[in-house]
Amino acid sequence: MSEKQIPYKIYLEESEMPKQWYNVRADMKNKPAPLLNPATLEPMTAQELGAVFCDELVQQELNDTDRFIDIPQEIQNFYRMYRPAPLVRAYCLEKKLGTPAKIYYKFEGNNTSGSHKLNSAIAQAYYAKKQGLKGVTTETGAGQWGTALSMACSYFDLDCKVFMVKVSYEQKPFRREVMRTYGASVTPSPSTTTEVGKKILAEHPGTTGSLGCAISEAVEVAVSTEGYRYVLGSVLNQVLLHQSIIGMETKIALDKYGIKPDIIIGCAGGGSNLGGLISPFMGEKLRGEADYQIIAVEPASCPSLTRGKFAYDFCDTGKVCPLAKMYTLGSGFIPSANHAGGLRYHGMSSTLSQLYDDGFMEARSVEQTAVFEAAQQFARIEGILPAPESSHAIKVAIDEALKCKETGEEKTIVFGLTGTGYFDMVAYQKFNDGVMMDYIPTDEDLKPGFDSLPNVNK
């Protein structure tokens, strides 16, 4: 197909939209290790998980066998408000870079939350409503997940309690106000409203918080409040399942024009965007039907894949959640107060961790000033102000395109543009003022987190 026949933006027809989520674990020879009960160190049962999560979501969390799971009609109807998301050919960026590479990005910012997070938020809110719950609790880092969940809960008339990492709460007041506009209560974490919050503040006075801290507080409130459950915007298998809508739309759009990507790139914090984008491509790779170079990009300040350990660890700082086998920096790791947005979690999805450990994808870490240089370049050329998280993928996509310029290879690059950066202007201001600093933890900085890993040999 000629260049002129491939439009700038590839949209799917409504009839082409996926009606099922894809469960990549069904095609994995080495399944993710089970979640462990922190008290017994035995695999968590559905009944035990049901005290924290919605019943249907527990079944999705534990499902390692069904390749496809039907998307309920009510969720499909909601998706139609902002999906399909466009797959965009970055012609302008290609021309500016002078590269023979073909660059595509899947843009997930076409909704009020400004990100891909709404794909799972609406699913989790739907199952909570279906179960007859009063509300849900959660945590949020950059604020995208909290915003998305507040929107979804508003749609289903559910109460929404959000614990927002303190540094983001202070840096992003407008993100906080969007959540409140949709009816959510927003509390900076760690807070004095929970027992685990008080404990963390006593141990780390003046801390700027972490996702691990906020998770602990949200779980405490969920299990102690009748009619509430906890929901999470990343990391869990159920979230990667819901986010597979991203990758499935991307693959259908590429197949429509006979395009096969060589390189697929996604930013990586807890794993929801990356896992969703790569899922159908990874499935082909696992089944031996095709091969792709898949790159996870994380901040150098929170390098769970590139410098973490593949071990069982607590999912939260307060150590009240199950143990997950994942690449981790230790549940006690508190990242610097940088501008990596939501990419500040101490661990990585168990599913992605297993795939990475088995060699099905690679990982790179990048420093935040380089990330914002790429963000600024992309904004000036492609006309979209990207979120800091997304800009990690942009940085490596540009790097790969420039390699093609050097070698003359005409590779096809696809990356995930997870959302917009209009609530991240404090970070952009620091970059523009030249006061943004790079922080890379030393081995000594990482040692306390590793020393705190539980002694689990399973």
Protein backbone atom coordinates (compact mmCIF):
# COMPACT_ATOMS: atom_id res chain seq x y z
CA MET A 1 0.00 0.00 0.00
CA SER A 2 1.38 3.41 -0.96
CA GLU A 3 2.26 6.08 1.56
CA LYS A 4 -0.57 8.32 0.32
CA GLN A 5 -3.18 5.67 1.07
CA ILE A 6 -2.28 5.51 4.78
CA PRO A 7 -4.11 8.38 6.54
CA TYR A 8 -2.69 10.50 9.32
CA LYS A 9 -5.24 9.02 11.69
CA ILE A 10 -6.56 5.48 11.43
CA TYR A 11 -9.95 4.98 13.06
CA LEU A 12 -11.94 1.79 13.35
CA GLU A 13 -15.57 1.49 12.35
CA GLU A 14 -17.96 0.63 15.17
CA SER A 15 -18.38 -2.84 13.67
CA GLU A 16 -14.60 -3.37 13.92
CA MET A 17 -14.39 -2.58 17.63
CA PRO A 18 -13.26 -5.46 19.87
CA LYS A 19 -16.10 -7.15 21.76
CA GLN A 20 -13.76 -9.11 24.02
CA TRP A 21 -10.69 -8.42 26.13
CA TYR A 22 -7.60 -10.55 25.47
CA ASN A 23 -5.99 -12.40 28.38
CA VAL A 24 -2.29 -12.80 27.52
CA ARG A 25 -1.74 -15.17 30.45
CA ALA A 26 -3.63 -17.87 28.57
CA ASP A 27 -0.76 -18.00 26.05
CA MET A 28 2.06 -17.83 28.60
CA LYS A 29 3.94 -21.08 29.15
CA ASN A 30 5.29 -19.71 32.44
CA LYS A 31 2.29 -18.23 34.22
CA PRO A 32 2.71 -15.33 36.68
CA ALA A 33 3.37 -16.61 40.19
CA PRO A 34 0.28 -16.53 42.46
CA LEU A 35 -0.41 -13.81 44.97
CA LEU A 36 0.47 -14.98 48.48
CA ASN A 37 -1.36 -14.41 51.75
CA PRO A 38 1.11 -12.36 53.85
CA ALA A 39 0.12 -14.25 57.00
CA THR A 40 0.25 -17.83 55.73
CA LEU A 41 2.48 -17.41 52.64
CA GLU A 42 0.01 -19.63 50.79
CA PRO A 43 -1.63 -18.67 47.47
CA MET A 44 -4.52 -16.28 47.97
CA THR A 45 -7.94 -17.87 47.49
CA ALA A 46 -10.85 -16.22 45.72
CA GLN A 47 -12.60 -15.91 49.06
CA GLU A 48 -9.64 -14.11 50.62
CA LEU A 49 -9.27 -11.75 47.66
CA GLY A 50 -13.02 -11.09 47.74
CA ALA A 51 -12.63 -9.25 51.04
CA VAL A 52 -10.62 -6.60 49.17
CA PHE A 53 -11.74 -6.73 45.52
CA CYS A 54 -15.07 -7.09 43.71
CA ASP A 55 -16.11 -10.70 43.14
CA GLU A 56 -16.08 -10.64 39.34
CA LEU A 57 -12.71 -8.86 39.31
CA VAL A 58 -11.29 -11.59 41.56
CA GLN A 59 -12.29 -14.18 38.95
CA GLN A 60 -10.56 -12.14 36.25
CA GLU A 61 -7.49 -11.75 38.46
CA LEU A 62 -7.14 -15.51 38.85
CA ASN A 63 -8.03 -16.50 35.28
CA ASP A 64 -4.95 -17.96 33.55
CA THR A 65 -6.79 -20.08 30.99
CA ASP A 66 -9.45 -18.15 29.05
CA ARG A 67 -7.86 -16.36 26.11
CA PHE A 68 -10.82 -14.06 25.54
CA ILE A 69 -13.33 -12.59 28.00
CA ASP A 70 -16.50 -10.87 26.82
CA ILE A 71 -16.79 -7.12 27.41
CA PRO A 72 -20.23 -6.48 28.99
CA GLN A 73 -22.55 -4.49 26.73
CA GLU A 74 -22.82 -1.59 29.20
CA ILE A 75 -19.03 -1.19 29.17
CA GLN A 76 -19.01 -1.39 25.37
CA ASN A 77 -21.60 1.40 25.32
CA PHE A 78 -19.44 3.57 27.57
CA TYR A 79 -16.36 2.89 25.45
CA ARG A 80 -18.21 4.30 22.45
CA MET A 81 -18.16 7.75 24.09
CA TYR A 82 -14.41 8.05 23.49
CA ARG A 83 -13.33 4.96 21.61
CA PRO A 84 -11.96 3.90 19.22
CA ALA A 85 -8.83 5.88 20.00
CA PRO A 86 -6.92 7.01 16.91
CA LEU A 87 -3.75 5.35 15.67
CA VAL A 88 -1.75 8.29 14.32
CA ARG A 89 1.03 8.23 11.72
CA ALA A 90 3.64 10.74 12.92
CA TYR A 91 4.49 12.05 9.45
CA CYS A 92 5.64 15.43 10.79
CA LEU A 93 7.96 13.86 13.36
CA GLU A 94 9.41 11.49 10.75
CA LYS A 95 10.15 14.41 8.44
CA LYS A 96 11.73 16.52 11.20
CA LEU A 97 13.97 13.65 12.29
CA GLY A 98 14.90 12.82 8.71
CA THR A 99 14.40 9.15 9.41
CA PRO A 100 13.35 6.38 7.05
CA ALA A 101 11.46 4.83 9.98
CA LYS A 102 7.68 4.88 10.01
CA ILE A 103 6.33 6.05 13.38
CA TYR A 104 2.83 5.42 14.71
CA TYR A 105 1.35 6.25 18.08
CA LYS A 106 -1.85 5.10 19.76
CA PHE A 107 -3.35 8.21 21.36
CA GLU A 108 -5.34 7.54 24.54
CA GLY A 109 -5.92 11.15 25.63
CA ASN A 110 -9.30 11.72 23.95
CA ASN A 111 -11.37 11.76 27.13
CA THR A 112 -11.73 14.07 30.12
CA SER A 113 -9.42 11.99 32.30
CA GLY A 114 -6.75 12.62 29.64
CA SER A 115 -5.45 9.07 29.66
CA HIS A 116 -5.93 5.35 29.05
CA LYS A 117 -6.94 4.79 32.68
CA LEU A 118 -10.64 5.15 31.92
CA ASN A 119 -10.57 1.81 30.06
CA SER A 120 -10.22 -0.11 33.32
CA ALA A 121 -11.92 2.40 35.62
CA ILE A 122 -15.28 1.99 33.91
CA ALA A 123 -14.96 -1.80 34.02
CA GLN A 124 -14.11 -1.87 37.71
CA ALA A 125 -16.89 0.58 38.57
CA TYR A 126 -19.35 -1.51 36.55
CA TYR A 127 -18.54 -4.68 38.49
CA ALA A 128 -18.72 -2.80 41.81
CA LYS A 129 -22.18 -1.49 40.91
CA LYS A 130 -23.27 -4.92 39.70
CA GLN A 131 -22.26 -6.35 43.09
CA GLY A 132 -24.39 -3.76 44.88
CA LEU A 133 -21.56 -1.91 46.59
CA LYS A 134 -21.81 1.63 47.97
CA GLY A 135 -18.41 2.77 46.79
CA VAL A 136 -14.74 2.07 46.17
CA THR A 137 -11.38 3.30 47.43
CA THR A 138 -8.17 3.74 45.49
CA GLU A 139 -4.83 5.50 45.25
CA THR A 140 -3.46 7.72 42.50
CA GLY A 141 0.01 8.99 41.67
CA ALA A 142 -0.04 11.53 38.87
CA GLY A 143 -3.81 11.76 39.25
CA GLN A 144 -4.86 10.18 35.96
CA TRP A 145 -6.24 7.03 37.58
CA GLY A 146 -8.04 8.98 40.29
CA THR A 147 -9.61 11.23 37.67
CA ALA A 148 -10.69 8.28 35.54
CA LEU A 149 -12.15 6.41 38.50
CA SER A 150 -14.05 9.47 39.72
CA MET A 151 -15.61 9.76 36.26
CA ALA A 152 -16.56 6.08 36.20
CA CYS A 153 -18.00 6.15 39.72
CA SER A 154 -20.03 9.24 38.88
CA TYR A 155 -21.50 7.40 35.89
CA PHE A 156 -22.65 4.52 38.12
CA ASP A 157 -23.55 6.65 41.19
CA LEU A 158 -20.85 5.12 43.37
CA ASP A 159 -18.91 6.88 46.12
CA CYS A 160 -15.20 7.26 45.35
CA LYS A 161 -12.47 7.80 47.96
CA VAL A 162 -9.05 8.66 46.50
CA PHE A 163 -5.70 8.75 48.32
CA MET A 164 -3.37 10.88 46.20
CA VAL A 165 0.41 10.74 46.59
CA LYS A 166 1.25 13.90 48.52
CA VAL A 167 3.80 15.34 46.09
CA SER A 168 1.27 15.04 43.24
CA TYR A 169 -1.53 16.39 45.43
CA GLU A 170 0.55 19.53 45.99
CA GLN A 171 1.89 19.84 42.42
CA LYS A 172 -1.39 19.17 40.63
CA PRO A 173 -4.26 21.01 42.34
CA PHE A 174 -6.29 21.15 39.15
CA ARG A 175 -6.13 17.38 38.69
CA ARG A 176 -7.40 17.11 42.24
CA GLU A 177 -10.26 19.49 41.48
CA VAL A 178 -11.37 17.47 38.46
CA MET A 179 -11.75 14.47 40.77
CA ARG A 180 -13.77 16.53 43.22
CA THR A 181 -15.92 17.88 40.39
CA TYR A 182 -16.89 14.29 39.60
CA GLY A 183 -17.77 13.74 43.26
CA ALA A 184 -14.69 12.01 44.65
CA SER A 185 -13.10 12.81 48.01
CA VAL A 186 -9.34 13.31 47.66
CA THR A 187 -6.88 12.89 50.56
CA PRO A 188 -3.10 13.52 50.35
CA SER A 189 -1.11 10.41 51.25
CA PRO A 190 0.32 9.58 53.68
CA SER A 191 -2.46 11.06 55.80
CA THR A 192 -3.44 11.18 59.45
CA THR A 193 -6.84 9.63 58.70
CA THR A 194 -5.65 6.00 58.66
CA GLU A 195 -3.57 3.92 61.04
CA VAL A 196 -1.08 2.96 58.35
CA GLY A 197 -0.78 6.59 57.28
CA LYS A 198 0.06 7.66 60.82
CA LYS A 199 2.64 4.89 61.06
CA ILE A 200 4.33 5.88 57.80
CA LEU A 201 4.43 9.55 58.84
CA ALA A 202 6.00 8.58 62.17
CA GLU A 203 8.68 6.53 60.41
CA HIS A 204 9.26 9.02 57.57
CA PRO A 205 8.45 12.56 58.78
CA GLY A 206 7.98 14.99 55.92
CA THR A 207 7.78 12.25 53.29
CA THR A 208 6.39 13.22 49.89
CA GLY A 209 4.62 9.87 49.73
CA SER A 210 4.58 6.99 47.28
CA LEU A 211 2.05 4.81 45.52
CA GLY A 212 2.88 2.06 47.99
CA CYS A 213 1.85 4.35 50.87
CA ALA A 214 -1.37 5.39 49.17
CA ILE A 215 -2.30 1.79 48.37
CA SER A 216 -1.96 0.84 52.03
CA GLU A 217 -4.31 3.63 53.10
CA ALA A 218 -6.89 2.87 50.42
CA VAL A 219 -6.94 -0.84 51.31
CA GLU A 220 -7.30 -0.08 55.03
CA VAL A 221 -10.35 2.09 54.39
CA ALA A 222 -11.88 -0.44 51.99
CA VAL A 223 -11.66 -3.44 54.32
CA SER A 224 -12.89 -1.45 57.32
CA THR A 225 -15.88 0.20 55.61
CA GLU A 226 -19.02 -1.82 54.92
CA GLY A 227 -20.12 -1.88 51.29
CA TYR A 228 -16.74 -0.78 49.89
CA ARG A 229 -14.01 -2.53 47.93
CA TYR A 230 -10.57 -1.47 46.79
CA VAL A 231 -9.75 -0.93 43.10
CA LEU A 232 -6.35 -0.45 41.48
CA GLY A 233 -5.39 1.31 38.26
CA SER A 234 -2.36 -0.76 37.29
CA VAL A 235 -0.19 -3.78 38.18
CA LEU A 236 -3.01 -6.33 38.60
CA ASN A 237 -3.86 -8.96 35.99
CA GLN A 238 -7.45 -7.72 35.78
CA VAL A 239 -6.24 -4.22 34.84
CA LEU A 240 -3.98 -5.51 32.06
CA LEU A 241 -6.97 -7.49 30.80
CA HIS A 242 -9.16 -4.37 30.53
CA GLN A 243 -6.37 -2.35 28.96
CA SER A 244 -5.93 -4.96 26.22
CA ILE A 245 -8.55 -2.90 24.35
CA ILE A 246 -5.63 -0.57 23.47
CA GLY A 247 -3.51 -3.23 21.83
CA MET A 248 -6.42 -4.96 20.13
CA GLU A 249 -7.59 -1.72 18.52
CA THR A 250 -4.00 -0.99 17.50
CA LYS A 251 -3.53 -4.38 15.88
CA ILE A 252 -6.88 -4.26 14.04
CA ALA A 253 -5.97 -0.80 12.67
CA LEU A 254 -2.51 -1.94 11.56
CA ASP A 255 -3.84 -5.12 9.98
CA LYS A 256 -6.42 -3.03 8.12
CA TYR A 257 -3.60 -1.40 6.17
CA GLY A 258 -1.24 -4.37 6.06
CA ILE A 259 1.24 -2.81 8.48
CA LYS A 260 3.47 -5.00 10.67
CA PRO A 261 5.40 -3.17 13.39
CA ASP A 262 9.03 -4.02 14.08
CA ILE A 263 9.29 -2.19 17.41
CA ILE A 264 6.56 -1.62 20.03
CA ILE A 265 7.31 0.81 22.86
CA GLY A 266 5.40 1.66 26.03
CA CYS A 267 6.12 3.55 29.22
CA ALA A 268 6.22 1.34 32.30
CA GLY A 269 5.24 2.20 35.86
CA GLY A 270 2.98 -0.53 37.18
CA GLY A 271 2.33 -1.93 33.73
CA SER A 272 -1.26 -1.09 32.68
CA ASN A 273 -0.50 0.92 29.53
CA LEU A 274 2.42 -1.22 28.44
CA GLY A 275 0.58 -4.48 29.11
CA GLY A 276 -2.51 -3.27 27.29
CA LEU A 277 -0.64 -2.00 24.24
CA ILE A 278 1.54 -5.05 23.69
CA SER A 279 -0.98 -7.77 24.63
CA PRO A 280 -2.09 -9.10 21.20
CA PHE A 281 1.41 -8.69 19.76
CA MET A 282 2.89 -10.51 22.73
CA GLY A 283 0.29 -13.23 22.22
CA GLU A 284 1.54 -13.76 18.66
CA LYS A 285 5.10 -13.83 19.95
CA LEU A 286 4.25 -16.37 22.64
CA ARG A 287 2.46 -18.59 20.12
CA GLY A 288 5.37 -18.36 17.68
CA GLU A 289 3.27 -16.66 15.01
CA ALA A 290 5.29 -13.43 14.75
CA ASP A 291 8.18 -11.61 16.37
CA TYR A 292 8.47 -8.06 17.62
CA GLN A 293 11.00 -6.00 19.55
CA ILE A 294 9.06 -4.87 22.62
CA ILE A 295 10.57 -2.16 24.81
CA ALA A 296 9.42 -1.10 28.28
CA VAL A 297 10.59 2.40 29.23
CA GLU A 298 10.83 3.47 32.86
CA PRO A 299 12.26 6.46 34.74
CA ALA A 300 15.87 6.19 35.89
CA SER A 301 14.68 7.46 39.28
CA CYS A 302 12.41 4.42 39.82
CA PRO A 303 14.02 1.58 37.82
CA SER A 304 12.11 -1.50 38.92
CA LEU A 305 12.77 -3.56 35.76
CA THR A 306 16.29 -2.42 34.93
CA ARG A 307 17.68 -2.47 38.48
CA GLY A 308 15.07 -4.29 40.56
CA LYS A 309 14.99 -7.87 41.79
CA PHE A 310 12.55 -10.55 40.63
CA ALA A 311 11.19 -11.64 43.97
CA TYR A 312 8.10 -11.85 46.12
CA ASP A 313 7.39 -8.51 47.72
CA PHE A 314 4.58 -6.59 49.36
CA CYS A 315 2.50 -4.56 46.93
CA ASP A 316 2.30 -1.69 49.42
CA THR A 317 4.46 0.17 51.89
CA GLY A 318 2.25 -0.65 54.88
CA LYS A 319 2.57 -4.39 54.14
CA VAL A 320 -1.16 -5.07 54.38
CA CYS A 321 -1.58 -6.29 50.79
CA PRO A 322 -0.77 -9.72 49.33
CA LEU A 323 2.74 -10.61 48.24
CA ALA A 324 3.37 -10.59 44.49
CA LYS A 325 6.32 -12.01 42.61
CA MET A 326 7.54 -9.13 40.49
CA TYR A 327 10.50 -6.98 39.62
CA THR A 328 10.69 -4.71 42.61
CA LEU A 329 12.84 -2.13 44.38
CA GLY A 330 11.33 -3.15 47.72
CA SER A 331 8.05 -1.99 49.21
CA GLY A 332 9.91 0.46 51.43
CA PHE A 333 11.43 2.29 48.45
CA ILE A 334 10.31 5.94 48.35
CA PRO A 335 11.14 7.49 44.96
CA SER A 336 12.42 11.01 44.67
CA ALA A 337 9.88 13.79 44.20
CA ASN A 338 10.50 13.89 40.47
CA HIS A 339 8.11 14.51 37.60
CA ALA A 340 7.84 10.97 36.24
CA GLY A 341 4.15 11.26 36.97
CA GLY A 342 2.57 7.92 37.70
CA LEU A 343 5.74 5.94 36.96
CA ARG A 344 6.73 5.88 40.62
CA TYR A 345 5.62 2.44 41.80
CA HIS A 346 8.24 0.28 43.49
CA GLY A 347 7.25 -2.84 41.54
CA MET A 348 5.98 -4.05 38.18
CA SER A 349 3.04 -6.16 37.07
CA SER A 350 3.62 -9.86 37.79
CA THR A 351 2.56 -10.69 34.25
CA LEU A 352 5.01 -8.25 32.67
CA SER A 353 7.72 -9.22 35.16
CA GLN A 354 7.44 -12.86 34.10
CA LEU A 355 7.49 -11.97 30.41
CA TYR A 356 10.54 -9.77 30.96
CA ASP A 357 12.31 -12.43 32.99
CA ASP A 358 11.60 -14.96 30.24
CA GLY A 359 13.20 -12.66 27.65
CA PHE A 360 10.11 -11.73 25.65
CA MET A 361 10.74 -7.99 26.04
CA GLU A 362 13.49 -5.58 27.03
CA ALA A 363 13.60 -2.59 29.35
CA ARG A 364 15.33 0.78 29.34
CA SER A 365 15.50 3.57 31.88
CA VAL A 366 15.67 7.25 30.94
CA GLU A 367 16.40 10.43 32.87
CA GLN A 368 13.67 12.99 33.26
CA THR A 369 15.39 15.97 31.58
CA ALA A 370 15.86 13.84 28.45
CA VAL A 371 12.23 12.80 28.73
CA PHE A 372 11.05 16.40 28.82
CA GLU A 373 13.31 17.33 25.92
CA ALA A 374 11.54 14.63 23.92
CA ALA A 375 8.15 15.84 25.19
CA GLN A 376 8.87 19.40 24.11
CA GLN A 377 10.12 18.24 20.71
CA PHE A 378 7.01 16.13 20.19
CA ALA A 379 4.66 18.93 21.27
CA ARG A 380 6.25 21.39 18.85
CA ILE A 381 6.17 18.96 15.93
CA GLU A 382 3.05 16.83 16.42
CA GLY A 383 0.88 19.40 18.22
CA ILE A 384 0.00 17.33 21.30
CA LEU A 385 1.28 18.20 24.77
CA PRO A 386 2.15 14.72 26.11
CA ALA A 387 1.95 13.52 29.70
CA PRO A 388 5.32 12.96 31.39
CA GLU A 389 4.59 9.23 31.54
CA SER A 390 3.93 9.03 27.80
CA SER A 391 7.06 11.03 27.08
CA HIS A 392 9.24 8.18 28.29
CA ALA A 393 7.97 6.16 25.33
CA ILE A 394 8.38 9.17 23.02
CA LYS A 395 12.03 9.50 24.06
CA VAL A 396 12.87 5.92 23.12
CA ALA A 397 10.76 6.05 19.94
CA ILE A 398 12.84 9.04 18.81
CA ASP A 399 16.05 7.21 19.76
CA GLU A 400 15.03 4.21 17.66
CA ALA A 401 14.01 6.41 14.72
CA LEU A 402 17.41 8.13 14.81
CA LYS A 403 19.13 4.73 14.80
CA CYS A 404 17.21 3.98 11.60
CA LYS A 405 18.51 7.26 10.19
CA GLU A 406 22.06 6.10 10.86
CA THR A 407 21.60 2.61 9.44
CA GLY A 408 19.10 3.39 6.69
CA GLU A 409 16.68 0.73 7.98
CA GLU A 410 12.99 1.37 7.29
CA LYS A 411 11.62 -0.02 10.53
CA THR A 412 8.03 0.53 11.67
CA ILE A 413 7.79 1.86 15.22
CA VAL A 414 4.59 1.89 17.30
CA PHE A 415 4.40 3.54 20.71
CA GLY A 416 1.71 4.29 23.25
CA LEU A 417 0.83 7.93 23.84
CA THR A 418 -0.98 7.28 27.10
CA GLY A 419 -2.37 10.76 27.65
CA THR A 420 -2.03 14.51 27.71
CA GLY A 421 0.09 16.68 30.00
CA TYR A 422 -2.17 19.67 30.57
CA PHE A 423 -2.27 19.02 34.34
CA ASP A 424 1.51 18.63 34.48
CA MET A 425 2.46 22.25 33.90
CA VAL A 426 4.46 22.55 37.13
CA ALA A 427 6.81 19.95 35.67
CA TYR A 428 6.95 21.69 32.30
CA GLN A 429 7.60 24.99 34.08
CA LYS A 430 10.56 23.51 35.96
CA PHE A 431 11.94 22.12 32.72
CA ASN A 432 11.47 25.42 30.86
CA ASP A 433 13.06 27.35 33.75
CA GLY A 434 16.09 25.06 33.65
CA VAL A 435 15.72 23.96 37.27
CA MET A 436 14.62 20.36 36.64
CA MET A 437 17.17 17.93 38.02
CA ASP A 438 17.95 14.32 37.17
CA TYR A 439 18.06 11.83 40.00
CA ILE A 440 19.42 8.31 39.70
CA PRO A 441 19.43 6.29 42.93
CA THR A 442 22.75 4.79 43.89
CA ASP A 443 23.16 1.15 44.87
CA GLU A 444 23.31 2.40 48.44
CA ASP A 445 19.98 4.19 47.97
CA LEU A 446 18.39 0.96 46.73
CA LYS A 447 19.85 -1.29 49.42
CA PRO A 448 17.29 -0.55 52.19
CA GLY A 449 14.45 -1.50 49.88
CA PHE A 450 16.12 -4.75 48.89
CA ASP A 451 16.98 -5.52 52.51
CA SER A 452 13.28 -5.23 53.37
CA LEU A 453 12.21 -7.92 50.89
CA PRO A 454 10.36 -10.76 52.66
CA ASN A 455 12.12 -14.10 52.90
CA VAL A 456 9.80 -16.11 50.70
CA ASN A 457 11.19 -19.06 48.78
CA LYS A 458 8.35 -20.12 46.50
